[in-house]
Structure formats: C-alpha cells, structure tokens
C-alpha cells in the first residue's frame, strides 16, 4: 500500500451528472478521448470546484503533440476513436492546457509518459 492506505479512494459514477468527490488530487486517464471538445471542456470545468485549494488535476491520454515521435501514431489513434466512439477523437495538447486554464487552474504543465501518452498537470491556487 506504500503508506497510502486510507488516503486514496476511487469513486464510481457518471462524471457528467454526479457530483465529483472533493480531493487534493483528481486524475482522469485514457478518458477524455471518448468525448468531443465541448464535453471535454465541461468535464474539466466540473473538476475545478472538487479540487481543494492547493490541489492538482491530472489528465493523461494519447494527445496529439507536434514534434513528438507519437504525433503520427496519435493522429491515427484519433481516427480510430472517431470510428469506435460516438463522439470521441484525439485532441491537441494545447487545447487541453487551454481548457484547464479556462477552468481556473494555474501552473499548467505537460510531460510525455512514454507509449505515446502525455500527462498534463494543473494546480488550483491555494487560498491566500
């Protein structure tokens, strides 16, 4: 348990209709590709009130990142998502970063995780 017993929990539900649990860190992985841009913006905006001040929101997906080795592969994945999901598709890392800033997050940064996946991290400012 790495000393995390009792401090980490998972919540099931529909993140478009159910309230998101309050947390220091919220994470969404391999999920935003299932939705269109409007739904992605809505979902990211819904996370902001649930993240405690000073907390963070993390997203990891096969994002379209120019100049990365994964660029062409993730464009092809995007086409596959469009064929396999009602509204899904790939999205650009710049869009994800902008949606996070629009929701109110600060200190937005990104890094590749390998296997064509990118992590975007954003912080909610602490109360002053």
C-alpha atoms as a PDB file:
ATOM      1  CA  UNK A   1       0.000   0.000   0.000  1.00  0.00           C
ATOM      2  CA  UNK A   2       3.077   2.263   0.079  1.00  0.00           C
ATOM      3  CA  UNK A   3       1.737   4.004   3.186  1.00  0.00           C
ATOM      4  CA  UNK A   4      -1.328   5.264   1.316  1.00  0.00           C
ATOM      5  CA  UNK A   5      -3.948   3.016   2.942  1.00  0.00           C
ATOM      6  CA  UNK A   6      -6.962   5.103   3.863  1.00  0.00           C
ATOM      7  CA  UNK A   7      -5.774   8.131   1.897  1.00  0.00           C
ATOM      8  CA  UNK A   8      -6.557   7.044  -1.662  1.00  0.00           C
ATOM      9  CA  UNK A   9     -10.049   6.205  -2.838  1.00  0.00           C
ATOM     10  CA  UNK A  10     -11.895   5.547  -6.067  1.00  0.00           C
ATOM     11  CA  UNK A  11     -15.441   6.703  -6.801  1.00  0.00           C
ATOM     12  CA  UNK A  12     -17.706   5.233  -9.432  1.00  0.00           C
ATOM     13  CA  UNK A  13     -20.359   7.241 -11.196  1.00  0.00           C
ATOM     14  CA  UNK A  14     -21.110   9.463 -14.160  1.00  0.00           C
ATOM     15  CA  UNK A  15     -18.758  12.420 -14.094  1.00  0.00           C
ATOM     16  CA  UNK A  16     -21.142  14.472 -16.239  1.00  0.00           C
ATOM     17  CA  UNK A  17     -24.110  14.178 -13.853  1.00  0.00           C
ATOM     18  CA  UNK A  18     -22.887  13.023 -10.435  1.00  0.00           C
ATOM     19  CA  UNK A  19     -21.036  15.377  -8.115  1.00  0.00           C
ATOM     20  CA  UNK A  20     -17.284  14.841  -8.182  1.00  0.00           C
ATOM     21  CA  UNK A  21     -15.727  13.987  -4.820  1.00  0.00           C
ATOM     22  CA  UNK A  22     -13.662  16.681  -3.144  1.00  0.00           C
ATOM     23  CA  UNK A  23      -9.994  15.740  -3.263  1.00  0.00           C
ATOM     24  CA  UNK A  24      -6.444  17.055  -3.107  1.00  0.00           C
ATOM     25  CA  UNK A  25      -5.755  15.389  -6.465  1.00  0.00           C
ATOM     26  CA  UNK A  26      -8.188  14.326  -9.176  1.00  0.00           C
ATOM     27  CA  UNK A  27      -6.962  12.210 -12.098  1.00  0.00           C
ATOM     28  CA  UNK A  28      -8.552  11.259 -15.386  1.00  0.00           C
ATOM     29  CA  UNK A  29      -6.658   8.827 -17.565  1.00  0.00           C
ATOM     30  CA  UNK A  30      -7.463   7.492 -21.019  1.00  0.00           C
ATOM     31  CA  UNK A  31     -10.925   9.013 -20.886  1.00  0.00           C
ATOM     32  CA  UNK A  32     -11.094  12.449 -22.487  1.00  0.00           C
ATOM     33  CA  UNK A  33     -10.511  10.806 -25.880  1.00  0.00           C
ATOM     34  CA  UNK A  34     -14.009   9.326 -25.547  1.00  0.00           C
ATOM     35  CA  UNK A  35     -15.701  12.743 -25.742  1.00  0.00           C
ATOM     36  CA  UNK A  36     -15.929  15.752 -28.041  1.00  0.00           C
ATOM     37  CA  UNK A  37     -14.272  19.093 -27.258  1.00  0.00           C
ATOM     38  CA  UNK A  38     -17.382  20.616 -25.666  1.00  0.00           C
ATOM     39  CA  UNK A  39     -17.729  17.654 -23.312  1.00  0.00           C
ATOM     40  CA  UNK A  40     -14.006  17.779 -22.502  1.00  0.00           C
ATOM     41  CA  UNK A  41     -14.277  21.461 -21.558  1.00  0.00           C
ATOM     42  CA  UNK A  42     -17.351  20.729 -19.442  1.00  0.00           C
ATOM     43  CA  UNK A  43     -15.710  17.835 -17.639  1.00  0.00           C
ATOM     44  CA  UNK A  44     -12.536  19.777 -16.892  1.00  0.00           C
ATOM     45  CA  UNK A  45     -14.618  22.723 -15.626  1.00  0.00           C
ATOM     46  CA  UNK A  46     -16.545  20.306 -13.351  1.00  0.00           C
ATOM     47  CA  UNK A  47     -13.287  19.144 -11.743  1.00  0.00           C
ATOM     48  CA  UNK A  48     -12.203  22.590 -10.589  1.00  0.00           C
ATOM     49  CA  UNK A  49     -14.672  23.002  -7.664  1.00  0.00           C
ATOM     50  CA  UNK A  50     -13.839  19.460  -6.492  1.00  0.00           C
ATOM     51  CA  UNK A  51     -10.078  20.060  -6.278  1.00  0.00           C
ATOM     52  CA  UNK A  52      -9.173  21.568  -2.930  1.00  0.00           C
ATOM     53  CA  UNK A  53      -7.157  24.818  -2.951  1.00  0.00           C
ATOM     54  CA  UNK A  54      -3.502  23.935  -3.431  1.00  0.00           C
ATOM     55  CA  UNK A  55      -4.507  20.634  -5.059  1.00  0.00           C
ATOM     56  CA  UNK A  56      -3.957  19.324  -8.554  1.00  0.00           C
ATOM     57  CA  UNK A  57      -5.764  17.885 -11.549  1.00  0.00           C
ATOM     58  CA  UNK A  58      -4.012  15.406 -13.846  1.00  0.00           C
ATOM     59  CA  UNK A  59      -5.006  14.134 -17.282  1.00  0.00           C
ATOM     60  CA  UNK A  60      -3.183  11.505 -19.303  1.00  0.00           C
ATOM     61  CA  UNK A  61      -4.175  10.455 -22.785  1.00  0.00           C
ATOM     62  CA  UNK A  62      -2.628   9.782 -26.197  1.00  0.00           C
ATOM     63  CA  UNK A  63      -2.681  13.504 -27.064  1.00  0.00           C
ATOM     64  CA  UNK A  64      -1.642  14.990 -30.368  1.00  0.00           C
ATOM     65  CA  UNK A  65       1.681  16.699 -29.679  1.00  0.00           C
ATOM     66  CA  UNK A  66       3.524  18.284 -32.620  1.00  0.00           C
ATOM     67  CA  UNK A  67       7.238  17.443 -32.809  1.00  0.00           C
ATOM     68  CA  UNK A  68       6.807  14.282 -30.683  1.00  0.00           C
ATOM     69  CA  UNK A  69       7.516  10.803 -32.051  1.00  0.00           C
ATOM     70  CA  UNK A  70       3.914   9.909 -31.163  1.00  0.00           C
ATOM     71  CA  UNK A  71       2.428  12.597 -33.445  1.00  0.00           C
ATOM     72  CA  UNK A  72       1.523  10.410 -36.437  1.00  0.00           C
ATOM     73  CA  UNK A  73       0.528   7.400 -34.320  1.00  0.00           C
ATOM     74  CA  UNK A  74      -1.796   9.564 -32.209  1.00  0.00           C
ATOM     75  CA  UNK A  75      -3.354  11.116 -35.316  1.00  0.00           C
ATOM     76  CA  UNK A  76      -4.156   7.582 -36.471  1.00  0.00           C
ATOM     77  CA  UNK A  77      -5.492   6.756 -32.989  1.00  0.00           C
ATOM     78  CA  UNK A  78      -7.692   9.845 -33.232  1.00  0.00           C
ATOM     79  CA  UNK A  79      -9.231   8.496 -36.433  1.00  0.00           C
ATOM     80  CA  UNK A  80      -9.800   5.152 -34.733  1.00  0.00           C
ATOM     81  CA  UNK A  81     -11.507   6.864 -31.757  1.00  0.00           C
ATOM     82  CA  UNK A  82     -13.796   8.693 -34.195  1.00  0.00           C
ATOM     83  CA  UNK A  83     -14.778   5.392 -35.770  1.00  0.00           C
ATOM     84  CA  UNK A  84     -15.192   3.488 -32.482  1.00  0.00           C
ATOM     85  CA  UNK A  85     -16.930   6.015 -30.204  1.00  0.00           C
ATOM     86  CA  UNK A  86     -19.996   8.200 -30.764  1.00  0.00           C
ATOM     87  CA  UNK A  87     -18.157  11.465 -30.072  1.00  0.00           C
ATOM     88  CA  UNK A  88     -14.560  10.593 -29.306  1.00  0.00           C
ATOM     89  CA  UNK A  89     -11.363  11.546 -31.014  1.00  0.00           C
ATOM     90  CA  UNK A  90      -7.893  12.767 -30.348  1.00  0.00           C
ATOM     91  CA  UNK A  91      -7.160  16.275 -29.182  1.00  0.00           C
ATOM     92  CA  UNK A  92      -4.188  18.589 -29.171  1.00  0.00           C
ATOM     93  CA  UNK A  93      -2.141  19.154 -26.038  1.00  0.00           C
ATOM     94  CA  UNK A  94      -2.553  22.925 -26.492  1.00  0.00           C
ATOM     95  CA  UNK A  95      -6.334  22.505 -26.272  1.00  0.00           C
ATOM     96  CA  UNK A  96      -6.098  20.507 -23.039  1.00  0.00           C
ATOM     97  CA  UNK A  97      -3.841  23.134 -21.473  1.00  0.00           C
ATOM     98  CA  UNK A  98      -6.234  25.917 -22.565  1.00  0.00           C
ATOM     99  CA  UNK A  99      -9.295  24.079 -21.173  1.00  0.00           C
ATOM    100  CA  UNK A 100      -7.511  23.740 -17.819  1.00  0.00           C
ATOM    101  CA  UNK A 101      -6.607  27.433 -17.702  1.00  0.00           C
ATOM    102  CA  UNK A 102     -10.165  28.388 -18.695  1.00  0.00           C
ATOM    103  CA  UNK A 103     -11.461  26.288 -15.777  1.00  0.00           C
ATOM    104  CA  UNK A 104      -9.275  28.322 -13.399  1.00  0.00           C
ATOM    105  CA  UNK A 105      -6.229  26.116 -12.993  1.00  0.00           C
ATOM    106  CA  UNK A 106      -2.738  27.617 -12.826  1.00  0.00           C
ATOM    107  CA  UNK A 107       0.761  26.219 -13.307  1.00  0.00           C
ATOM    108  CA  UNK A 108      -0.321  24.026 -16.214  1.00  0.00           C
ATOM    109  CA  UNK A 109       2.499  21.833 -17.500  1.00  0.00           C
ATOM    110  CA  UNK A 110       2.930  18.689 -19.555  1.00  0.00           C
ATOM    111  CA  UNK A 111       5.338  15.823 -19.994  1.00  0.00           C
ATOM    112  CA  UNK A 112       5.458  12.672 -22.094  1.00  0.00           C
ATOM    113  CA  UNK A 113       4.893   9.426 -20.197  1.00  0.00           C
ATOM    114  CA  UNK A 114       6.008   7.049 -22.932  1.00  0.00           C
ATOM    115  CA  UNK A 115       3.934   4.685 -25.075  1.00  0.00           C
ATOM    116  CA  UNK A 116       2.503   7.745 -26.888  1.00  0.00           C
ATOM    117  CA  UNK A 117       0.793   9.093 -23.740  1.00  0.00           C
ATOM    118  CA  UNK A 118       1.143  12.631 -22.410  1.00  0.00           C
ATOM    119  CA  UNK A 119       0.436  13.839 -18.871  1.00  0.00           C
ATOM    120  CA  UNK A 120      -0.937  17.343 -18.344  1.00  0.00           C
ATOM    121  CA  UNK A 121      -0.813  18.629 -14.758  1.00  0.00           C
ATOM    122  CA  UNK A 122      -2.560  21.706 -13.397  1.00  0.00           C
ATOM    123  CA  UNK A 123      -2.831  23.223  -9.928  1.00  0.00           C
ATOM    124  CA  UNK A 124      -5.610  25.019  -8.150  1.00  0.00           C
ATOM    125  CA  UNK A 125      -4.199  28.088  -6.427  1.00  0.00           C
ATOM    126  CA  UNK A 126      -4.038  27.907  -2.632  1.00  0.00           C
ATOM    127  CA  UNK A 127      -6.167  30.307  -0.593  1.00  0.00           C
ATOM    128  CA  UNK A 128      -4.315  33.428   0.444  1.00  0.00           C
END
